[in-house]
Amino acid sequence: MKYLIRQKMAIRFLIALLLITSLTTYGQSKNFIDQPYLETTARVDTLVIPDRIYLSILITEADTKGKTSVEKLENKMADKLKAIGIDIEKQLTLNDLGSNFKKYFLRKVDVQKDKEYTLLVHDALTAGKVLMGLESIGISNVNLIKTEYSGLEKLKIDLRQKAVRAAKIQAEAMVIPLDQKLGHALFISDLNTGVQNRMTDRMVRVQMSKEADKDQPIEIEFEKIKIESTVNVKFAIQ
């Protein structure tokens, strides 16, 4: 009996809460609709050159058929990157250390180790020098992981502001034929502020022939990153 009473009280409380919420929402909507307003949407975008380029470098003894150890390849890589001007303490990080144990147990051969690194460079020219330099010492397993723009967050704010300004200009132009004036903003919504970057899954690999000019940097162009912002603004009409 007590359970039924508590259940009825809970249902009544829920109904009362829904009624209060509905009345509040209706009141807010009514206040908004009671005044004349103009709604407009504006979009702005821009293209930026990526300045954070992440390369994956795989060093494996399999490339030399076990003739050169990972440690020797690692030291050669470090020397080559330093010669290019890379700060390996800040720009190079170790991802994983693994061994081909399956091959060892099945074929009874020596374990061949490998190491994977992530290298951060800041422009396409340096990326080309890295690819060419590593290829020259027998390291060709280099992949592009992703590209980024370091000033992304600040640029998003700037684009939002430009989109709002564009929305205001559009709204002002729309009320001119009506001989009316634009009032203050009643509502602003950030519909979309995003990044379009299609470079994340593309592989970068260098195949150099014996006739290749090793003194010339490899020409690489990374696709520009598109950043856009779309806003919706409702202005009062006076």
C-alpha atoms as a PDB file:
ATOM      1  CA  MET A   1       0.000   0.000   0.000  1.00  0.00           C
ATOM      2  CA  LYS A   2       2.779   2.394   0.946  1.00  0.00           C
ATOM      3  CA  TYR A   3       4.556   1.529  -2.299  1.00  0.00           C
ATOM      4  CA  LEU A   4       1.478   2.496  -4.355  1.00  0.00           C
ATOM      5  CA  ILE A   5       1.131   5.790  -2.488  1.00  0.00           C
ATOM      6  CA  ARG A   6       4.791   6.634  -3.103  1.00  0.00           C
ATOM      7  CA  GLN A   7       4.430   5.699  -6.774  1.00  0.00           C
ATOM      8  CA  LYS A   8       1.380   7.981  -7.185  1.00  0.00           C
ATOM      9  CA  MET A   9       3.227  10.846  -5.477  1.00  0.00           C
ATOM     10  CA  ALA A  10       6.207  10.358  -7.785  1.00  0.00           C
ATOM     11  CA  ILE A  11       3.946  10.436 -10.850  1.00  0.00           C
ATOM     12  CA  ARG A  12       2.233  13.625  -9.658  1.00  0.00           C
ATOM     13  CA  PHE A  13       5.594  15.255  -9.011  1.00  0.00           C
ATOM     14  CA  LEU A  14       6.809  14.315 -12.487  1.00  0.00           C
ATOM     15  CA  ILE A  15       3.646  15.739 -14.105  1.00  0.00           C
ATOM     16  CA  ALA A  16       4.009  18.979 -12.158  1.00  0.00           C
ATOM     17  CA  LEU A  17       7.651  19.264 -13.203  1.00  0.00           C
ATOM     18  CA  LEU A  18       6.760  18.762 -16.860  1.00  0.00           C
ATOM     19  CA  LEU A  19       4.048  21.414 -16.653  1.00  0.00           C
ATOM     20  CA  ILE A  20       6.470  23.927 -15.107  1.00  0.00           C
ATOM     21  CA  THR A  21       9.082  23.185 -17.788  1.00  0.00           C
ATOM     22  CA  SER A  22       6.513  23.546 -20.570  1.00  0.00           C
ATOM     23  CA  LEU A  23       5.221  26.844 -19.226  1.00  0.00           C
ATOM     24  CA  THR A  24       8.752  28.207 -18.868  1.00  0.00           C
ATOM     25  CA  THR A  25       9.652  27.185 -22.416  1.00  0.00           C
ATOM     26  CA  TYR A  26       6.404  28.658 -23.749  1.00  0.00           C
ATOM     27  CA  GLY A  27       7.041  31.916 -21.928  1.00  0.00           C
ATOM     28  CA  GLN A  28      10.536  32.209 -23.331  1.00  0.00           C
ATOM     29  CA  SER A  29       9.326  31.421 -26.860  1.00  0.00           C
ATOM     30  CA  LYS A  30       6.482  33.877 -26.577  1.00  0.00           C
ATOM     31  CA  ASN A  31       8.787  36.660 -25.421  1.00  0.00           C
ATOM     32  CA  PHE A  32      11.098  35.953 -28.332  1.00  0.00           C
ATOM     33  CA  ILE A  33       8.347  35.858 -30.955  1.00  0.00           C
ATOM     34  CA  ASP A  34       6.552  38.921 -29.594  1.00  0.00           C
ATOM     35  CA  GLN A  35       9.206  41.212 -31.084  1.00  0.00           C
ATOM     36  CA  PRO A  36      10.076  41.492 -34.775  1.00  0.00           C
ATOM     37  CA  TYR A  37      13.423  39.952 -35.637  1.00  0.00           C
ATOM     38  CA  LEU A  38      15.566  38.999 -38.609  1.00  0.00           C
ATOM     39  CA  GLU A  39      17.503  35.727 -38.813  1.00  0.00           C
ATOM     40  CA  THR A  40      20.605  35.304 -40.970  1.00  0.00           C
ATOM     41  CA  THR A  41      23.414  32.784 -41.399  1.00  0.00           C
ATOM     42  CA  ALA A  42      26.960  33.567 -42.498  1.00  0.00           C
ATOM     43  CA  ARG A  43      29.985  31.412 -43.277  1.00  0.00           C
ATOM     44  CA  VAL A  44      33.650  32.367 -43.634  1.00  0.00           C
ATOM     45  CA  ASP A  45      36.680  30.169 -44.317  1.00  0.00           C
ATOM     46  CA  THR A  46      40.405  30.354 -44.914  1.00  0.00           C
ATOM     47  CA  LEU A  47      43.322  28.142 -45.954  1.00  0.00           C
ATOM     48  CA  VAL A  48      46.506  27.781 -43.906  1.00  0.00           C
ATOM     49  CA  ILE A  49      49.805  26.024 -44.534  1.00  0.00           C
ATOM     50  CA  PRO A  50      50.445  23.260 -41.972  1.00  0.00           C
ATOM     51  CA  ASP A  51      53.374  23.989 -39.679  1.00  0.00           C
ATOM     52  CA  ARG A  52      53.278  20.754 -37.680  1.00  0.00           C
ATOM     53  CA  ILE A  53      54.106  17.754 -39.852  1.00  0.00           C
ATOM     54  CA  TYR A  54      54.337  14.392 -38.102  1.00  0.00           C
ATOM     55  CA  LEU A  55      56.342  11.617 -39.755  1.00  0.00           C
ATOM     56  CA  SER A  56      56.504   8.001 -38.639  1.00  0.00           C
ATOM     57  CA  ILE A  57      59.963   6.429 -39.012  1.00  0.00           C
ATOM     58  CA  LEU A  58      60.340   2.649 -38.745  1.00  0.00           C
ATOM     59  CA  ILE A  59      63.833   1.238 -38.202  1.00  0.00           C
ATOM     60  CA  THR A  60      63.992  -2.516 -38.671  1.00  0.00           C
ATOM     61  CA  GLU A  61      66.801  -5.027 -39.004  1.00  0.00           C
ATOM     62  CA  ALA A  62      64.742  -6.757 -41.698  1.00  0.00           C
ATOM     63  CA  ASP A  63      65.646  -3.987 -44.164  1.00  0.00           C
ATOM     64  CA  THR A  64      69.297  -5.031 -43.981  1.00  0.00           C
ATOM     65  CA  LYS A  65      68.479  -8.752 -43.618  1.00  0.00           C
ATOM     66  CA  GLY A  66      69.854  -8.661 -40.102  1.00  0.00           C
ATOM     67  CA  LYS A  67      73.265  -7.357 -41.173  1.00  0.00           C
ATOM     68  CA  THR A  68      72.890  -4.047 -39.333  1.00  0.00           C
ATOM     69  CA  SER A  69      71.531  -3.823 -35.803  1.00  0.00           C
ATOM     70  CA  VAL A  70      68.741  -1.476 -34.821  1.00  0.00           C
ATOM     71  CA  GLU A  71      71.163   0.320 -32.522  1.00  0.00           C
ATOM     72  CA  LYS A  72      73.536   1.117 -35.396  1.00  0.00           C
ATOM     73  CA  LEU A  73      70.672   2.241 -37.621  1.00  0.00           C
ATOM     74  CA  GLU A  74      69.363   4.357 -34.764  1.00  0.00           C
ATOM     75  CA  ASN A  75      72.719   6.113 -34.328  1.00  0.00           C
ATOM     76  CA  LYS A  76      73.013   6.720 -38.071  1.00  0.00           C
ATOM     77  CA  MET A  77      69.524   8.192 -38.096  1.00  0.00           C
ATOM     78  CA  ALA A  78      70.308  10.484 -35.163  1.00  0.00           C
ATOM     79  CA  ASP A  79      73.486  11.758 -36.853  1.00  0.00           C
ATOM     80  CA  LYS A  80      71.667  12.372 -40.124  1.00  0.00           C
ATOM     81  CA  LEU A  81      68.796  14.242 -38.465  1.00  0.00           C
ATOM     82  CA  LYS A  82      71.207  16.424 -36.488  1.00  0.00           C
ATOM     83  CA  ALA A  83      73.060  17.261 -39.709  1.00  0.00           C
ATOM     84  CA  ILE A  84      69.762  18.406 -41.239  1.00  0.00           C
ATOM     85  CA  GLY A  85      69.153  20.684 -38.255  1.00  0.00           C
ATOM     86  CA  ILE A  86      66.654  18.577 -36.303  1.00  0.00           C
ATOM     87  CA  ASP A  87      66.608  18.903 -32.512  1.00  0.00           C
ATOM     88  CA  ILE A  88      66.137  15.203 -31.786  1.00  0.00           C
ATOM     89  CA  GLU A  89      65.511  15.798 -28.076  1.00  0.00           C
ATOM     90  CA  LYS A  90      62.468  17.959 -28.834  1.00  0.00           C
ATOM     91  CA  GLN A  91      61.289  16.694 -32.217  1.00  0.00           C
ATOM     92  CA  LEU A  92      61.936  12.928 -32.100  1.00  0.00           C
ATOM     93  CA  THR A  93      60.051  10.511 -29.832  1.00  0.00           C
ATOM     94  CA  LEU A  94      60.155   6.721 -29.545  1.00  0.00           C
ATOM     95  CA  ASN A  95      56.797   5.009 -30.065  1.00  0.00           C
ATOM     96  CA  ASP A  96      57.384   1.297 -29.753  1.00  0.00           C
ATOM     97  CA  LEU A  97      60.035  -1.403 -29.482  1.00  0.00           C
ATOM     98  CA  GLY A  98      59.169  -4.812 -30.853  1.00  0.00           C
ATOM     99  CA  SER A  99      60.645  -8.108 -31.992  1.00  0.00           C
ATOM    100  CA  ASN A 100      59.483 -10.580 -34.574  1.00  0.00           C
ATOM    101  CA  PHE A 101      59.077 -13.492 -32.156  1.00  0.00           C
ATOM    102  CA  LYS A 102      56.724 -15.407 -34.450  1.00  0.00           C
ATOM    103  CA  LYS A 103      59.351 -15.564 -37.153  1.00  0.00           C
ATOM    104  CA  TYR A 104      61.913 -16.634 -34.568  1.00  0.00           C
ATOM    105  CA  PHE A 105      59.899 -19.580 -33.274  1.00  0.00           C
ATOM    106  CA  LEU A 106      58.657 -20.819 -36.651  1.00  0.00           C
ATOM    107  CA  ARG A 107      61.822 -20.474 -38.721  1.00  0.00           C
ATOM    108  CA  LYS A 108      64.477 -20.747 -36.023  1.00  0.00           C
ATOM    109  CA  VAL A 109      66.266 -17.606 -37.135  1.00  0.00           C
ATOM    110  CA  ASP A 110      67.605 -14.704 -35.152  1.00  0.00           C
ATOM    111  CA  VAL A 111      65.124 -12.280 -33.675  1.00  0.00           C
ATOM    112  CA  GLN A 112      64.960  -9.113 -35.779  1.00  0.00           C
ATOM    113  CA  LYS A 113      64.162  -6.035 -33.744  1.00  0.00           C
ATOM    114  CA  ASP A 114      62.511  -2.848 -34.876  1.00  0.00           C
ATOM    115  CA  LYS A 115      61.840   0.599 -33.462  1.00  0.00           C
ATOM    116  CA  GLU A 116      59.251   3.167 -34.479  1.00  0.00           C
ATOM    117  CA  TYR A 117      59.668   6.902 -33.990  1.00  0.00           C
ATOM    118  CA  THR A 118      57.570   9.990 -34.529  1.00  0.00           C
ATOM    119  CA  LEU A 119      59.366  13.008 -35.956  1.00  0.00           C
ATOM    120  CA  LEU A 120      57.924  16.523 -35.889  1.00  0.00           C
ATOM    121  CA  VAL A 121      59.028  18.986 -38.575  1.00  0.00           C
ATOM    122  CA  HIS A 122      57.617  22.401 -39.338  1.00  0.00           C
ATOM    123  CA  ASP A 123      57.738  22.755 -43.137  1.00  0.00           C
ATOM    124  CA  ALA A 124      57.688  20.730 -46.327  1.00  0.00           C
ATOM    125  CA  LEU A 125      61.299  21.566 -47.227  1.00  0.00           C
ATOM    126  CA  THR A 126      62.600  20.042 -43.992  1.00  0.00           C
ATOM    127  CA  ALA A 127      60.352  17.015 -44.494  1.00  0.00           C
ATOM    128  CA  GLY A 128      61.902  16.521 -47.938  1.00  0.00           C
ATOM    129  CA  LYS A 129      65.412  16.753 -46.516  1.00  0.00           C
ATOM    130  CA  VAL A 130      64.528  14.179 -43.871  1.00  0.00           C
ATOM    131  CA  LEU A 131      63.139  11.742 -46.441  1.00  0.00           C
ATOM    132  CA  MET A 132      66.171  12.122 -48.687  1.00  0.00           C
ATOM    133  CA  GLY A 133      68.638  11.907 -45.801  1.00  0.00           C
ATOM    134  CA  LEU A 134      67.102   8.773 -44.289  1.00  0.00           C
ATOM    135  CA  GLU A 135      66.871   7.101 -47.672  1.00  0.00           C
ATOM    136  CA  SER A 136      70.591   7.702 -48.176  1.00  0.00           C
ATOM    137  CA  ILE A 137      71.397   5.640 -45.059  1.00  0.00           C
ATOM    138  CA  GLY A 138      69.000   2.815 -45.879  1.00  0.00           C
ATOM    139  CA  ILE A 139      65.903   3.920 -43.955  1.00  0.00           C
ATOM    140  CA  SER A 140      62.908   4.185 -46.275  1.00  0.00           C
ATOM    141  CA  ASN A 141      59.965   3.244 -44.043  1.00  0.00           C
ATOM    142  CA  VAL A 142      58.770   6.813 -43.503  1.00  0.00           C
ATOM    143  CA  ASN A 143      55.054   7.615 -43.412  1.00  0.00           C
ATOM    144  CA  LEU A 144      53.086  10.807 -42.973  1.00  0.00           C
ATOM    145  CA  ILE A 145      50.918  10.563 -39.851  1.00  0.00           C
ATOM    146  CA  LYS A 146      49.157  13.932 -39.827  1.00  0.00           C
ATOM    147  CA  THR A 147      49.509  17.652 -40.444  1.00  0.00           C
ATOM    148  CA  GLU A 148      48.367  20.430 -38.124  1.00  0.00           C
ATOM    149  CA  TYR A 149      48.353  24.205 -37.814  1.00  0.00           C
ATOM    150  CA  SER A 150      49.746  25.533 -34.525  1.00  0.00           C
ATOM    151  CA  GLY A 151      47.568  28.684 -34.450  1.00  0.00           C
ATOM    152  CA  LEU A 152      44.330  26.768 -34.930  1.00  0.00           C
ATOM    153  CA  GLU A 153      42.458  27.821 -31.777  1.00  0.00           C
ATOM    154  CA  LYS A 154      43.188  31.536 -32.220  1.00  0.00           C
ATOM    155  CA  LEU A 155      42.218  31.320 -35.871  1.00  0.00           C
ATOM    156  CA  LYS A 156      38.890  29.677 -34.956  1.00  0.00           C
ATOM    157  CA  ILE A 157      38.068  32.639 -32.699  1.00  0.00           C
ATOM    158  CA  ASP A 158      38.990  35.113 -35.443  1.00  0.00           C
ATOM    159  CA  LEU A 159      36.792  33.284 -37.961  1.00  0.00           C
ATOM    160  CA  ARG A 160      33.830  33.242 -35.577  1.00  0.00           C
ATOM    161  CA  GLN A 161      34.153  37.005 -35.152  1.00  0.00           C
ATOM    162  CA  LYS A 162      34.351  37.521 -38.915  1.00  0.00           C
ATOM    163  CA  ALA A 163      31.309  35.318 -39.431  1.00  0.00           C
ATOM    164  CA  VAL A 164      29.290  37.350 -36.913  1.00  0.00           C
ATOM    165  CA  ARG A 165      30.363  40.598 -38.612  1.00  0.00           C
ATOM    166  CA  ALA A 166      29.346  39.136 -41.978  1.00  0.00           C
ATOM    167  CA  ALA A 167      25.958  38.155 -40.547  1.00  0.00           C
ATOM    168  CA  LYS A 168      25.433  41.704 -39.282  1.00  0.00           C
ATOM    169  CA  ILE A 169      26.348  43.205 -42.661  1.00  0.00           C
ATOM    170  CA  GLN A 170      23.894  40.863 -44.387  1.00  0.00           C
ATOM    171  CA  ALA A 171      21.136  41.712 -41.920  1.00  0.00           C
ATOM    172  CA  GLU A 172      21.698  45.470 -42.267  1.00  0.00           C
ATOM    173  CA  ALA A 173      21.465  45.165 -46.043  1.00  0.00           C
ATOM    174  CA  MET A 174      18.225  43.210 -45.777  1.00  0.00           C
ATOM    175  CA  VAL A 175      16.381  45.828 -43.674  1.00  0.00           C
ATOM    176  CA  ILE A 176      17.350  48.804 -45.860  1.00  0.00           C
ATOM    177  CA  PRO A 177      14.527  48.223 -48.414  1.00  0.00           C
ATOM    178  CA  LEU A 178      12.085  48.113 -45.476  1.00  0.00           C
ATOM    179  CA  ASP A 179      13.143  51.535 -44.183  1.00  0.00           C
ATOM    180  CA  GLN A 180      13.866  49.916 -40.831  1.00  0.00           C
ATOM    181  CA  LYS A 181      16.903  49.664 -38.606  1.00  0.00           C
ATOM    182  CA  LEU A 182      18.677  46.682 -37.180  1.00  0.00           C
ATOM    183  CA  GLY A 183      18.570  46.309 -33.420  1.00  0.00           C
ATOM    184  CA  HIS A 184      20.706  44.331 -31.020  1.00  0.00           C
ATOM    185  CA  ALA A 185      21.399  40.622 -31.386  1.00  0.00           C
ATOM    186  CA  LEU A 186      18.813  38.379 -29.736  1.00  0.00           C
ATOM    187  CA  PHE A 187      20.478  35.038 -30.391  1.00  0.00           C
ATOM    188  CA  ILE A 188      23.858  33.811 -31.674  1.00  0.00           C
ATOM    189  CA  SER A 189      24.692  30.193 -32.469  1.00  0.00           C
ATOM    190  CA  ASP A 190      28.010  28.694 -33.597  1.00  0.00           C
ATOM    191  CA  LEU A 191      26.671  26.182 -36.117  1.00  0.00           C
ATOM    192  CA  ASN A 192      30.047  24.874 -37.200  1.00  0.00           C
ATOM    193  CA  THR A 193      33.677  25.783 -36.696  1.00  0.00           C
ATOM    194  CA  GLY A 194      35.778  22.970 -38.067  1.00  0.00           C
ATOM    195  CA  VAL A 195      38.852  21.814 -39.926  1.00  0.00           C
ATOM    196  CA  GLN A 196      39.043  20.043 -43.259  1.00  0.00           C
ATOM    197  CA  ASN A 197      42.325  18.176 -43.569  1.00  0.00           C
ATOM    198  CA  ARG A 198      42.581  15.216 -45.944  1.00  0.00           C
ATOM    199  CA  MET A 199      46.285  14.514 -45.416  1.00  0.00           C
ATOM    200  CA  THR A 200      46.056  12.294 -42.337  1.00  0.00           C
ATOM    201  CA  ASP A 201      46.097   8.925 -44.118  1.00  0.00           C
ATOM    202  CA  ARG A 202      48.391   9.629 -47.024  1.00  0.00           C
ATOM    203  CA  MET A 203      51.720   7.782 -47.179  1.00  0.00           C
ATOM    204  CA  VAL A 204      54.965   9.571 -47.925  1.00  0.00           C
ATOM    205  CA  ARG A 205      57.641   7.242 -49.223  1.00  0.00           C
ATOM    206  CA  VAL A 206      60.766   7.976 -51.241  1.00  0.00           C
ATOM    207  CA  GLN A 207      62.242   5.750 -53.930  1.00  0.00           C
ATOM    208  CA  MET A 208      65.579   7.167 -55.029  1.00  0.00           C
ATOM    209  CA  SER A 209      67.365   5.810 -58.078  1.00  0.00           C
ATOM    210  CA  LYS A 210      71.119   5.611 -58.434  1.00  0.00           C
ATOM    211  CA  GLU A 211      70.978   8.529 -60.862  1.00  0.00           C
ATOM    212  CA  ALA A 212      69.068  10.753 -58.425  1.00  0.00           C
ATOM    213  CA  ASP A 213      70.731  14.005 -57.493  1.00  0.00           C
ATOM    214  CA  LYS A 214      71.336  13.603 -53.771  1.00  0.00           C
ATOM    215  CA  ASP A 215      72.245  17.280 -53.411  1.00  0.00           C
ATOM    216  CA  GLN A 216      68.772  18.456 -54.381  1.00  0.00           C
ATOM    217  CA  PRO A 217      65.986  18.523 -51.768  1.00  0.00           C
ATOM    218  CA  ILE A 218      62.864  16.524 -52.489  1.00  0.00           C
ATOM    219  CA  GLU A 219      59.960  18.714 -53.538  1.00  0.00           C
ATOM    220  CA  ILE A 220      56.966  18.010 -51.321  1.00  0.00           C
ATOM    221  CA  GLU A 221      53.768  20.018 -51.131  1.00  0.00           C
ATOM    222  CA  PHE A 222      51.331  19.436 -48.312  1.00  0.00           C
ATOM    223  CA  GLU A 223      47.719  20.294 -48.973  1.00  0.00           C
ATOM    224  CA  LYS A 224      46.597  23.429 -47.170  1.00  0.00           C
ATOM    225  CA  ILE A 225      44.265  23.005 -44.213  1.00  0.00           C
ATOM    226  CA  LYS A 226      40.806  24.537 -44.637  1.00  0.00           C
ATOM    227  CA  ILE A 227      39.241  26.093 -41.555  1.00  0.00           C
ATOM    228  CA  GLU A 228      35.703  27.449 -41.642  1.00  0.00           C
ATOM    229  CA  SER A 229      33.108  28.921 -39.322  1.00  0.00           C
ATOM    230  CA  THR A 230      29.331  29.186 -39.726  1.00  0.00           C
ATOM    231  CA  VAL A 231      27.127  31.195 -37.374  1.00  0.00           C
ATOM    232  CA  ASN A 232      23.416  31.894 -37.066  1.00  0.00           C
ATOM    233  CA  VAL A 233      22.339  35.253 -35.638  1.00  0.00           C
ATOM    234  CA  LYS A 234      18.894  36.678 -34.876  1.00  0.00           C
ATOM    235  CA  PHE A 235      18.675  40.489 -34.736  1.00  0.00           C
ATOM    236  CA  ALA A 236      15.838  42.616 -33.424  1.00  0.00           C
ATOM    237  CA  ILE A 237      14.233  44.910 -35.983  1.00  0.00           C
ATOM    238  CA  GLN A 238      13.413  48.463 -34.884  1.00  0.00           C
END
